[in-house]
């Protein structure tokens, strides 16, 4: 580092003073090597220093200059060898400690660099410079707190290092995601001396951080409304019990959504997010399929140098439509909503970068859901074998590849789920494999394509099949679910998006009563603020 090399030629006179015999005509080889080195004739200088090393094998001076020469030539292992000799031979060269630590640090030999930092501190070698190098080593180890302490110590010991140390402190705060602290440190860099190169760089960096802080909004809200056509609202089977095709049950529906979120201020590796979501679906005719769902989530997380860990915790409560035939009612029935189910879940996820531009994710989750019993009579008690209350365990692994400057991405994901539910007819294991592609079409238009396949096996013999549902009688149910969708998101004006979507769902089952096909077409608007 240039700021640590000013000592070199001032130190030459001292080194030469340690070897008075070099003044002899036949022994001034070291002085000639130094002259070649200063003239940037590094190969000639190296040759001279090697000869001086042969003449004085126990002297630290030739070893030190050999270290400098090999470092200049990019032969860092050789440089380390001779720097070590320069601090152990007689007399020890104090500045060899600085050069040795720097080379080891740049070679990412951080453990050894720290060992020599300890030795330099014990020998009281240039305390401000050693403290600064100590901070750089801690930065490489992502120990930002220790790095800030070391840089602060360096600037306290030597006011001449104040500006460069303050800049490194700003970088440490930025690395720790403490942007407000980083911004204050950058202002200190600029105020120390606005005309230096480092101050000019700090000004540009400060602008970026201030733009990030200005763009930060703790609260975000989204309101959406869509109109949907569904050609099979209630999942009518493709084939009836007598292998006669059953008409599909189509309907139009209004979908509404509202979400609110709070994001913690960027300050350190820890963060959290709180979200609330309200979604509803109301159909024109099939009121028993109307739904209203509320979900609240808390998502704490921690950022690492290689990725981040999140632990989403969520609770959801939903209502389902209900119709009751009443004599004398205007249309013969009363439409209402009744509680349907509540769900608790936790799903930690680790996101990481295993290669530049290649992201991975692994997660594991637990979900418990409780279905509320609908209004029943003594003549029609609830069927315990059909009870879908219980808990589920799942884990997943995914791969994500960004492209188009991060505006697009391809995501492949595998997920395994085990449902341990109260009803024996719904206990199952499933394997799901899906792929999603986000493709930027234009500046404000994105196309999303997705497809997934789920193989689901039920663990028990089905006990509740309608008569004639399957010629083989009660058997183990096996399903294959295929979901395909395509959507276009267009920001027509600032914060207002148009969303157009098509989705196809095909459920194949070895039990015909569970085999169905549906298509949905949706168009709607979304406002974000």
Protein backbone atom coordinates (compact mmCIF):
# COMPACT_ATOMS: atom_id res chain seq x y z
CA UNK A 1 0.00 0.00 0.00
CA UNK A 2 1.39 3.36 -1.01
CA UNK A 3 0.69 5.08 2.28
CA UNK A 4 2.97 2.59 4.00
CA UNK A 5 5.91 2.88 1.61
CA UNK A 6 7.04 6.42 2.31
CA UNK A 7 9.34 4.99 4.95
CA UNK A 8 11.35 2.96 2.44
CA UNK A 9 14.05 5.25 1.15
CA UNK A 10 14.29 7.20 4.39
CA UNK A 11 15.00 3.86 5.96
CA UNK A 12 17.73 3.06 3.41
CA UNK A 13 20.27 5.30 5.11
CA UNK A 14 19.70 3.50 8.38
CA UNK A 15 20.06 0.11 6.74
CA UNK A 16 23.30 1.12 5.07
CA UNK A 17 24.54 2.47 8.33
CA UNK A 18 24.17 -0.99 9.78
CA UNK A 19 26.55 -2.33 7.13
CA UNK A 20 29.53 0.04 7.03
CA UNK A 21 31.64 -2.42 5.07
CA UNK A 22 29.38 -1.85 2.09
CA UNK A 23 31.22 1.38 1.51
CA UNK A 24 34.09 -0.75 0.18
CA UNK A 25 34.18 -0.69 -3.60
CA UNK A 26 33.85 -4.48 -3.91
CA UNK A 27 31.03 -4.61 -1.34
CA UNK A 28 28.66 -1.76 -2.33
CA UNK A 29 26.38 -4.25 -4.08
CA UNK A 30 23.41 -3.48 -1.81
CA UNK A 31 23.64 0.25 -2.48
CA UNK A 32 23.76 -0.41 -6.22
CA UNK A 33 20.71 -2.68 -5.91
CA UNK A 34 18.81 0.08 -4.12
CA UNK A 35 19.70 2.51 -6.91
CA UNK A 36 18.37 0.05 -9.51
CA UNK A 37 15.21 -0.48 -7.47
CA UNK A 38 14.58 3.28 -7.27
CA UNK A 39 15.05 3.47 -11.06
CA UNK A 40 12.41 0.71 -11.37
CA UNK A 41 14.93 -1.68 -12.84
CA UNK A 42 13.56 -4.46 -10.71
CA UNK A 43 15.27 -7.41 -12.40
CA UNK A 44 18.70 -5.80 -12.05
CA UNK A 45 17.92 -4.82 -8.45
CA UNK A 46 16.90 -8.39 -7.63
CA UNK A 47 20.18 -9.70 -9.01
CA UNK A 48 22.13 -7.25 -6.84
CA UNK A 49 20.14 -8.12 -3.72
CA UNK A 50 20.71 -11.84 -4.28
CA UNK A 51 24.45 -11.23 -4.45
CA UNK A 52 24.29 -9.12 -1.28
CA UNK A 53 22.38 -11.95 0.37
CA UNK A 54 25.21 -14.34 -0.46
CA UNK A 55 27.78 -11.94 0.94
CA UNK A 56 25.82 -11.28 4.15
CA UNK A 57 23.58 -14.31 4.87
CA UNK A 58 23.01 -13.28 8.49
CA UNK A 59 22.07 -9.66 7.74
CA UNK A 60 18.47 -8.49 7.68
CA UNK A 61 18.99 -5.71 5.10
CA UNK A 62 19.43 -7.86 1.95
CA UNK A 63 16.55 -10.08 3.09
CA UNK A 64 14.27 -7.06 3.43
CA UNK A 65 15.07 -5.70 -0.02
CA UNK A 66 14.69 -9.17 -1.53
CA UNK A 67 11.21 -9.25 -0.04
CA UNK A 68 10.41 -5.91 -1.67
CA UNK A 69 11.74 -7.08 -5.03
CA UNK A 70 9.87 -10.38 -5.03
CA UNK A 71 6.70 -8.60 -4.03
CA UNK A 72 7.16 -6.19 -6.94
CA UNK A 73 7.60 -9.20 -9.25
CA UNK A 74 4.42 -10.80 -7.97
CA UNK A 75 6.23 -13.71 -6.36
CA UNK A 76 4.50 -13.40 -3.02
CA UNK A 77 5.60 -16.70 -1.50
CA UNK A 78 9.24 -15.69 -1.98
CA UNK A 79 8.48 -12.22 -0.62
CA UNK A 80 6.95 -13.74 2.54
CA UNK A 81 10.02 -15.94 3.02
CA UNK A 82 12.45 -13.01 2.97
CA UNK A 83 10.21 -10.69 5.00
CA UNK A 84 10.17 -13.31 7.73
CA UNK A 85 13.98 -13.42 7.63
CA UNK A 86 14.11 -9.62 7.77
CA UNK A 87 12.28 -9.59 11.11
CA UNK A 88 14.24 -12.48 12.63
CA UNK A 89 17.82 -11.76 11.50
CA UNK A 90 20.12 -9.14 13.01
CA UNK A 91 19.15 -6.39 13.30
CA UNK A 92 15.37 -6.89 12.81
CA UNK A 93 13.86 -4.56 10.24
CA UNK A 94 10.74 -3.02 11.88
CA UNK A 95 9.07 -2.13 8.61
CA UNK A 96 9.33 -5.72 7.40
CA UNK A 97 6.48 -6.48 9.80
CA UNK A 98 4.24 -4.07 7.90
CA UNK A 99 5.14 -5.49 4.50
CA UNK A 100 4.78 -9.08 5.72
CA UNK A 101 1.32 -8.49 7.19
CA UNK A 102 0.17 -6.73 4.04
CA UNK A 103 1.32 -9.52 1.70
CA UNK A 104 -0.24 -12.23 3.87
CA UNK A 105 -3.50 -10.29 4.02
CA UNK A 106 -3.62 -9.83 0.25
CA UNK A 107 -2.97 -13.57 -0.14
CA UNK A 108 -5.91 -14.23 2.19
CA UNK A 109 -3.62 -15.91 4.69
CA UNK A 110 -5.60 -14.14 7.38
CA UNK A 111 -4.77 -16.43 10.28
CA UNK A 112 -1.02 -16.00 9.75
CA UNK A 113 -1.42 -12.27 9.13
CA UNK A 114 -3.17 -11.93 12.51
CA UNK A 115 -0.36 -13.87 14.18
CA UNK A 116 2.21 -11.38 12.84
CA UNK A 117 -0.04 -8.48 13.86
CA UNK A 118 0.15 -9.78 17.44
CA UNK A 119 3.95 -9.96 17.20
CA UNK A 120 4.14 -6.44 15.77
CA UNK A 121 1.93 -5.14 18.57
CA UNK A 122 4.14 -6.84 21.17
CA UNK A 123 7.23 -5.29 19.59
CA UNK A 124 5.43 -1.90 19.40
CA UNK A 125 6.09 -1.62 15.67
CA UNK A 126 4.30 1.38 14.12
CA UNK A 127 1.11 1.01 16.23
CA UNK A 128 -1.11 3.23 14.02
CA UNK A 129 -0.19 1.35 10.84
CA UNK A 130 -0.54 -2.06 12.48
CA UNK A 131 -3.94 -1.07 13.86
CA UNK A 132 -5.04 -0.02 10.37
CA UNK A 133 -3.89 -3.33 8.87
CA UNK A 134 -5.67 -5.14 11.68
CA UNK A 135 -8.88 -3.40 10.63
CA UNK A 136 -8.39 -4.51 7.01
CA UNK A 137 -7.93 -8.12 8.11
CA UNK A 138 -11.12 -7.96 10.17
CA UNK A 139 -12.95 -6.54 7.14
CA UNK A 140 -11.87 -9.55 5.10
CA UNK A 141 -13.20 -11.78 7.86
CA UNK A 142 -16.54 -9.89 7.86
CA UNK A 143 -15.97 -8.88 11.47
CA UNK A 144 -17.20 -5.34 10.99
CA UNK A 145 -17.49 -4.46 14.67
CA UNK A 146 -13.84 -5.42 15.36
CA UNK A 147 -12.76 -3.67 12.13
CA UNK A 148 -14.40 -0.39 13.21
CA UNK A 149 -12.67 -0.60 16.59
CA UNK A 150 -9.27 -1.15 14.90
CA UNK A 151 -9.72 1.72 12.42
CA UNK A 152 -10.86 4.02 15.22
CA UNK A 153 -7.73 3.10 17.18
CA UNK A 154 -5.55 3.79 14.13
CA UNK A 155 -6.92 7.31 13.61
CA UNK A 156 -6.65 8.07 17.33
CA UNK A 157 -2.98 7.06 17.30
CA UNK A 158 -2.12 8.96 14.11
CA UNK A 159 -4.18 11.93 12.91
CA UNK A 160 -2.53 11.52 9.52
CA UNK A 161 -4.51 8.30 9.08
CA UNK A 162 -7.79 9.91 10.11
CA UNK A 163 -9.27 10.38 6.66
CA UNK A 164 -8.38 6.96 5.22
CA UNK A 165 -9.37 5.25 8.48
CA UNK A 166 -12.71 7.09 8.54
CA UNK A 167 -13.37 5.95 4.98
CA UNK A 168 -12.74 2.34 5.97
CA UNK A 169 -15.07 2.81 8.93
CA UNK A 170 -17.75 3.97 6.49
CA UNK A 171 -17.18 0.86 4.36
CA UNK A 172 -17.47 -1.33 7.44
CA UNK A 173 -20.78 0.27 8.42
CA UNK A 174 -22.06 -0.15 4.86
CA UNK A 175 -21.00 -3.79 4.86
CA UNK A 176 -22.90 -4.27 8.12
CA UNK A 177 -25.94 -2.59 6.48
CA UNK A 178 -25.79 0.30 8.94
CA UNK A 179 -26.37 2.90 6.26
CA UNK A 180 -27.06 5.89 8.52
CA UNK A 181 -23.77 5.31 10.37
CA UNK A 182 -21.96 4.82 7.06
CA UNK A 183 -23.35 8.11 5.80
CA UNK A 184 -22.10 9.98 8.90
CA UNK A 185 -18.63 8.46 8.48
CA UNK A 186 -18.50 9.49 4.81
CA UNK A 187 -19.37 13.07 5.77
CA UNK A 188 -16.44 13.00 8.19
CA UNK A 189 -14.14 11.84 5.37
CA UNK A 190 -15.26 14.70 3.15
CA UNK A 191 -15.01 17.35 5.85
CA UNK A 192 -11.46 16.27 6.78
CA UNK A 193 -10.13 17.37 3.37
CA UNK A 194 -12.60 17.77 0.47
CA UNK A 195 -9.82 17.99 -2.15
CA UNK A 196 -8.30 14.52 -1.77
CA UNK A 197 -9.10 11.66 -4.13
CA UNK A 198 -10.56 9.63 -1.30
CA UNK A 199 -12.89 12.52 -0.40
CA UNK A 200 -14.10 12.70 -4.01
CA UNK A 201 -14.84 8.96 -3.97
CA UNK A 202 -16.59 9.35 -0.61
CA UNK A 203 -18.86 12.03 -2.11
CA UNK A 204 -20.06 9.64 -4.83
CA UNK A 205 -20.58 6.84 -2.35
CA UNK A 206 -22.45 9.20 -0.03
CA UNK A 207 -24.87 10.09 -2.83
CA UNK A 208 -25.71 6.41 -3.36
CA UNK A 209 -26.32 5.81 0.35
CA UNK A 210 -28.46 8.93 0.71
CA UNK A 211 -30.53 7.82 -2.29
CA UNK A 212 -31.05 4.43 -0.63
CA UNK A 213 -32.05 6.03 2.67
CA UNK A 214 -34.40 8.42 0.90
CA UNK A 215 -36.05 5.56 -1.00
CA UNK A 216 -36.58 3.60 2.21
CA UNK A 217 -40.24 3.44 3.17
CA UNK A 218 -41.05 1.65 6.40
CA UNK A 219 -44.73 1.19 5.46
CA UNK A 220 -45.94 -0.15 2.12
CA UNK A 221 -49.52 -0.78 1.00
CA UNK A 222 -51.09 -2.54 -1.96
CA UNK A 223 -54.74 -2.59 -3.08
CA UNK A 224 -55.92 -4.82 -5.90
CA UNK A 225 -59.13 -5.79 -7.69
CA UNK A 226 -59.56 -8.35 -10.46
CA UNK A 227 -62.32 -9.97 -12.45
CA UNK A 228 -62.02 -13.70 -13.06
CA UNK A 229 -63.71 -16.32 -15.20
CA UNK A 230 -63.46 -19.85 -13.77
CA UNK A 231 -64.84 -22.71 -15.85
CA UNK A 232 -64.90 -25.18 -12.94
CA UNK A 233 -65.41 -23.32 -9.68
CA UNK A 234 -66.17 -26.26 -7.41
CA UNK A 235 -63.84 -28.81 -9.01
CA UNK A 236 -66.55 -30.92 -10.62
CA UNK A 237 -65.05 -34.28 -11.69
CA UNK A 238 -64.38 -34.81 -15.35
CA UNK A 239 -66.28 -38.07 -15.26
CA UNK A 240 -69.20 -39.06 -13.10
CA UNK A 241 -69.61 -42.34 -11.28
CA UNK A 242 -71.05 -44.02 -14.37
CA UNK A 243 -68.28 -42.76 -16.70
CA UNK A 244 -70.65 -40.13 -18.02
CA UNK A 245 -69.05 -36.73 -18.56
CA UNK A 246 -70.34 -34.19 -16.03
CA UNK A 247 -70.92 -30.58 -17.11
CA UNK A 248 -68.42 -28.11 -15.71
CA UNK A 249 -69.58 -25.46 -13.29
CA UNK A 250 -68.38 -22.08 -14.56
CA UNK A 251 -68.82 -18.69 -13.00
CA UNK A 252 -67.46 -15.16 -12.86
CA UNK A 253 -65.97 -13.76 -9.70
CA UNK A 254 -64.58 -10.60 -8.17
CA UNK A 255 -61.19 -10.93 -6.48
CA UNK A 256 -59.99 -8.22 -4.10
CA UNK A 257 -56.79 -7.89 -2.12
CA UNK A 258 -55.21 -5.58 0.41
CA UNK A 259 -51.75 -5.85 1.95
CA UNK A 260 -49.76 -3.74 4.38
CA UNK A 261 -46.16 -4.27 5.42
CA UNK A 262 -43.60 -2.72 7.70
CA UNK A 263 -39.89 -3.14 6.96
CA UNK A 264 -37.26 -2.41 9.58
CA UNK A 265 -34.71 0.30 8.90
CA UNK A 266 -31.48 -1.11 7.39
CA UNK A 267 -29.20 -1.24 10.43
CA UNK A 268 -26.95 -4.22 10.85
CA UNK A 269 -27.30 -7.82 9.73
CA UNK A 270 -30.58 -8.38 11.57
CA UNK A 271 -33.88 -7.24 10.08
CA UNK A 272 -37.57 -7.98 10.27
CA UNK A 273 -40.73 -7.53 8.28
CA UNK A 274 -44.37 -7.52 9.40
CA UNK A 275 -47.12 -8.17 6.86
CA UNK A 276 -50.91 -8.27 6.80
CA UNK A 277 -52.87 -9.63 3.82
CA UNK A 278 -56.60 -9.69 3.14
CA UNK A 279 -57.89 -11.61 0.11
CA UNK A 280 -61.45 -12.31 -0.95
CA UNK A 281 -63.29 -14.02 -3.79
CA UNK A 282 -66.99 -13.51 -4.52
CA UNK A 283 -68.75 -15.45 -7.29
CA UNK A 284 -71.92 -14.46 -9.11
CA UNK A 285 -73.70 -17.78 -8.57
CA UNK A 286 -71.66 -20.27 -6.54
CA UNK A 287 -71.80 -18.40 -3.27
CA UNK A 288 -70.74 -21.50 -1.33
CA UNK A 289 -67.30 -21.08 -2.93
CA UNK A 290 -66.84 -17.48 -1.77
CA UNK A 291 -63.78 -17.02 0.43
CA UNK A 292 -62.28 -14.39 2.71
CA UNK A 293 -58.79 -14.93 4.16
CA UNK A 294 -56.74 -12.86 6.61
CA UNK A 295 -53.04 -13.54 7.11
CA UNK A 296 -50.53 -11.87 9.40
CA UNK A 297 -46.84 -12.68 9.19
CA UNK A 298 -43.69 -11.82 11.10
CA UNK A 299 -40.46 -12.43 9.19
CA UNK A 300 -37.25 -11.93 11.15
CA UNK A 301 -33.99 -12.45 9.30
CA UNK A 302 -30.22 -12.25 9.40
CA UNK A 303 -27.84 -11.39 6.57
CA UNK A 304 -24.54 -13.22 6.15
CA UNK A 305 -21.73 -12.46 3.71
CA UNK A 306 -22.86 -15.37 1.51
CA UNK A 307 -26.63 -14.95 1.83
CA UNK A 308 -29.36 -14.65 4.41
CA UNK A 309 -31.62 -16.57 6.78
CA UNK A 310 -35.32 -15.80 7.24
CA UNK A 311 -37.77 -17.41 9.67
CA UNK A 312 -41.32 -16.57 8.53
CA UNK A 313 -44.03 -17.03 11.16
CA UNK A 314 -47.62 -16.68 10.02
CA UNK A 315 -51.21 -17.08 11.11
CA UNK A 316 -54.15 -17.26 8.73
CA UNK A 317 -57.89 -17.35 9.31
CA UNK A 318 -60.40 -17.87 6.50
CA UNK A 319 -64.16 -17.91 5.93
CA UNK A 320 -66.05 -19.91 3.34
CA UNK A 321 -69.38 -19.12 1.74
CA UNK A 322 -72.52 -20.92 2.88
CA UNK A 323 -76.02 -21.08 1.43
CA UNK A 324 -79.07 -22.28 3.31
CA UNK A 325 -82.40 -22.93 1.63
CA UNK A 326 -85.12 -20.95 3.38
CA UNK A 327 -88.76 -20.97 2.41
CA UNK A 328 -89.92 -17.46 1.69
CA UNK A 329 -86.48 -16.01 0.97
CA UNK A 330 -86.38 -13.82 -2.18
CA UNK A 331 -84.27 -16.31 -4.12
CA UNK A 332 -85.01 -19.34 -1.98
CA UNK A 333 -81.76 -19.18 0.01
CA UNK A 334 -79.76 -17.10 2.47
CA UNK A 335 -76.13 -16.40 1.62
CA UNK A 336 -73.60 -16.04 4.44
CA UNK A 337 -69.98 -16.64 5.41
CA UNK A 338 -68.86 -18.95 8.18
CA UNK A 339 -65.41 -19.68 9.66
CA UNK A 340 -63.64 -22.32 7.60
CA UNK A 341 -60.10 -22.86 8.88
CA UNK A 342 -57.14 -21.35 10.67
CA UNK A 343 -53.49 -22.08 9.99
CA UNK A 344 -50.23 -21.59 11.88
CA UNK A 345 -46.90 -22.05 10.15
CA UNK A 346 -43.16 -21.56 10.50
CA UNK A 347 -40.77 -22.03 7.59
CA UNK A 348 -37.09 -21.09 8.03
CA UNK A 349 -35.28 -20.56 4.73
CA UNK A 350 -31.60 -20.14 3.96
CA UNK A 351 -30.68 -18.25 0.77
CA UNK A 352 -27.09 -18.41 -0.40
CA UNK A 353 -24.82 -17.78 -3.37
CA UNK A 354 -22.75 -20.87 -4.18
CA UNK A 355 -21.25 -19.44 -7.39
CA UNK A 356 -21.23 -15.89 -8.75
CA UNK A 357 -24.66 -15.29 -10.25
CA UNK A 358 -26.04 -18.63 -9.00
CA UNK A 359 -28.34 -18.63 -5.98
CA UNK A 360 -29.65 -21.50 -3.89
CA UNK A 361 -32.33 -21.89 -1.25
CA UNK A 362 -33.15 -24.59 1.26
CA UNK A 363 -36.05 -24.50 3.68
CA UNK A 364 -37.98 -26.63 6.15
CA UNK A 365 -41.42 -25.92 7.50
CA UNK A 366 -44.17 -26.92 9.87
CA UNK A 367 -47.85 -26.08 9.36
CA UNK A 368 -50.82 -26.76 11.58
CA UNK A 369 -54.34 -26.22 10.32
CA UNK A 370 -57.66 -26.57 12.04
CA UNK A 371 -60.88 -26.84 10.03
CA UNK A 372 -64.02 -25.58 11.73
CA UNK A 373 -66.97 -27.91 11.55
CA UNK A 374 -69.75 -26.66 9.34
CA UNK A 375 -73.36 -26.64 10.54
CA UNK A 376 -74.44 -30.28 10.75
CA UNK A 377 -77.41 -32.19 12.08
CA UNK A 378 -77.72 -35.38 14.06
CA UNK A 379 -78.79 -37.10 10.86
CA UNK A 380 -75.66 -35.86 9.08
CA UNK A 381 -72.79 -35.83 11.57
CA UNK A 382 -69.33 -34.79 10.40
CA UNK A 383 -67.29 -37.57 8.82
CA UNK A 384 -64.11 -38.06 10.89
CA UNK A 385 -62.37 -39.82 7.98
CA UNK A 386 -62.70 -36.62 5.91
CA UNK A 387 -61.33 -34.30 8.61
CA UNK A 388 -58.45 -32.31 7.10
CA UNK A 389 -57.32 -30.80 10.39
CA UNK A 390 -53.79 -31.66 11.47
CA UNK A 391 -50.22 -30.73 10.66
CA UNK A 392 -47.84 -30.90 7.74
CA UNK A 393 -44.06 -31.10 7.48
CA UNK A 394 -42.19 -30.03 4.39
CA UNK A 395 -38.75 -29.20 3.09
CA UNK A 396 -37.61 -27.74 -0.19
CA UNK A 397 -34.52 -26.98 -2.25
CA UNK A 398 -34.33 -24.47 -5.06
CA UNK A 399 -32.00 -22.90 -7.60
CA UNK A 400 -32.31 -19.37 -8.96
CA UNK A 401 -30.43 -17.84 -11.87
CA UNK A 402 -30.87 -14.08 -12.48
CA UNK A 403 -30.41 -12.65 -15.97
CA UNK A 404 -31.00 -9.41 -17.89
CA UNK A 405 -29.13 -7.43 -15.26
CA UNK A 406 -31.19 -8.89 -12.44
CA UNK A 407 -34.53 -7.92 -14.01
CA UNK A 408 -35.28 -11.50 -15.05
CA UNK A 409 -34.78 -14.84 -13.40
CA UNK A 410 -35.32 -18.59 -13.71
CA UNK A 411 -36.22 -20.55 -10.59
CA UNK A 412 -36.35 -24.33 -10.22
CA UNK A 413 -37.70 -25.76 -6.97
CA UNK A 414 -38.37 -29.18 -5.45
CA UNK A 415 -40.60 -29.61 -2.39
CA UNK A 416 -41.54 -32.63 -0.29
CA UNK A 417 -44.60 -32.52 1.98
CA UNK A 418 -45.96 -34.99 4.49
CA UNK A 419 -49.54 -34.42 5.67
CA UNK A 420 -50.40 -35.91 9.05
CA UNK A 421 -54.10 -35.12 9.22
CA UNK A 422 -56.89 -36.44 11.41
CA UNK A 423 -58.93 -37.84 8.55
CA UNK A 424 -57.48 -41.11 7.29
CA UNK A 425 -58.57 -40.24 3.74
CA UNK A 426 -56.27 -37.20 3.64
CA UNK A 427 -53.01 -38.51 5.11
CA UNK A 428 -50.48 -38.31 2.28
CA UNK A 429 -46.98 -37.67 1.00
CA UNK A 430 -46.22 -35.53 -2.04
CA UNK A 431 -43.32 -34.55 -4.26
CA UNK A 432 -43.56 -31.30 -6.18
CA UNK A 433 -41.23 -30.03 -8.89
CA UNK A 434 -41.73 -26.61 -10.45
CA UNK A 435 -40.05 -24.05 -12.68
CA UNK A 436 -40.79 -20.33 -12.95
CA UNK A 437 -39.36 -17.80 -15.38
CA UNK A 438 -39.64 -14.02 -15.08
CA UNK A 439 -38.94 -12.47 -18.48
CA UNK A 440 -38.72 -8.68 -18.95
CA UNK A 441 -40.39 -7.84 -22.25
CA UNK A 442 -40.06 -4.07 -22.15
CA UNK A 443 -39.09 -1.39 -19.68
CA UNK A 444 -42.27 -1.77 -17.61
CA UNK A 445 -43.73 -5.03 -18.91
CA UNK A 446 -42.84 -8.44 -17.45
CA UNK A 447 -43.96 -11.90 -18.49
CA UNK A 448 -44.07 -14.70 -15.91
CA UNK A 449 -44.37 -18.35 -16.94
CA UNK A 450 -44.66 -21.20 -14.48
CA UNK A 451 -45.34 -24.92 -14.45
CA UNK A 452 -45.28 -27.47 -11.66
CA UNK A 453 -46.11 -31.13 -11.20
CA UNK A 454 -47.12 -32.75 -7.91
CA UNK A 455 -47.15 -36.50 -7.28
CA UNK A 456 -49.28 -37.25 -4.24
CA UNK A 457 -49.78 -40.66 -2.60
CA UNK A 458 -52.37 -41.24 0.12
CA UNK A 459 -51.38 -43.63 2.87
CA UNK A 460 -54.71 -45.26 3.66
CA UNK A 461 -57.44 -47.06 1.79
CA UNK A 462 -60.13 -44.55 0.96
CA UNK A 463 -63.18 -45.24 3.14
CA UNK A 464 -65.65 -42.76 1.73
CA UNK A 465 -65.98 -43.28 -2.00
CA UNK A 466 -69.42 -42.77 -3.53
CA UNK A 467 -71.04 -45.95 -4.77
CA UNK A 468 -69.70 -46.78 -8.21
CA UNK A 469 -66.90 -44.21 -8.00
CA UNK A 470 -64.39 -46.85 -8.96
CA UNK A 471 -64.99 -50.33 -10.24
CA UNK A 472 -62.16 -51.73 -8.13
CA UNK A 473 -63.80 -50.58 -4.88
CA UNK A 474 -61.92 -48.86 -2.05
CA UNK A 475 -58.26 -48.43 -2.99
CA UNK A 476 -55.25 -46.23 -2.15
CA UNK A 477 -55.68 -42.90 -3.87
CA UNK A 478 -52.90 -41.52 -6.10
CA UNK A 479 -53.01 -38.06 -7.70
CA UNK A 480 -50.96 -36.12 -10.20
CA UNK A 481 -51.54 -32.37 -10.27
CA UNK A 482 -50.37 -30.20 -13.18
CA UNK A 483 -50.45 -26.41 -12.81
CA UNK A 484 -49.54 -24.08 -15.66
CA UNK A 485 -49.85 -20.31 -15.74
CA UNK A 486 -48.81 -17.28 -17.71
CA UNK A 487 -49.19 -13.68 -16.62
CA UNK A 488 -48.26 -10.23 -17.83
CA UNK A 489 -47.59 -7.39 -15.37
CA UNK A 490 -47.58 -3.94 -16.92
CA UNK A 491 -46.91 -0.75 -14.95
CA UNK A 492 -49.18 1.47 -16.99
CA UNK A 493 -48.54 4.52 -14.78
CA UNK A 494 -46.38 4.95 -11.71
CA UNK A 495 -47.45 2.57 -8.90
CA UNK A 496 -50.44 1.23 -10.89
CA UNK A 497 -50.09 -2.18 -12.52
CA UNK A 498 -52.29 -4.07 -14.95
CA UNK A 499 -52.21 -7.84 -14.42
CA UNK A 500 -53.49 -10.33 -17.00
CA UNK A 501 -53.28 -14.04 -16.17
CA UNK A 502 -54.24 -17.42 -17.54
CA UNK A 503 -54.02 -20.58 -15.43
CA UNK A 504 -54.73 -24.23 -16.12
CA UNK A 505 -55.05 -26.88 -13.43
CA UNK A 506 -55.43 -30.56 -14.21
CA UNK A 507 -55.83 -33.07 -11.40
CA UNK A 508 -55.45 -36.67 -12.47
CA UNK A 509 -56.42 -39.38 -9.99
CA UNK A 510 -56.84 -43.12 -10.03
CA UNK A 511 -60.18 -42.37 -8.32
CA UNK A 512 -62.36 -40.67 -10.92
CA UNK A 513 -64.24 -38.59 -8.38
CA UNK A 514 -61.05 -36.60 -7.73
CA UNK A 515 -60.12 -36.05 -11.37
CA UNK A 516 -60.93 -32.59 -12.71
CA UNK A 517 -59.78 -29.83 -15.01
CA UNK A 518 -60.18 -26.08 -14.72
CA UNK A 519 -59.12 -22.95 -16.57
CA UNK A 520 -59.14 -19.44 -15.13
CA UNK A 521 -58.77 -16.10 -16.91
CA UNK A 522 -58.08 -13.03 -14.78
CA UNK A 523 -57.62 -9.33 -15.45
CA UNK A 524 -57.18 -6.68 -12.81
CA UNK A 525 -55.40 -3.64 -11.43
CA UNK A 526 -53.08 -3.15 -8.50
CA UNK A 527 -52.11 0.10 -6.79
CA UNK A 528 -48.98 0.28 -4.63
CA UNK A 529 -48.18 3.15 -2.30
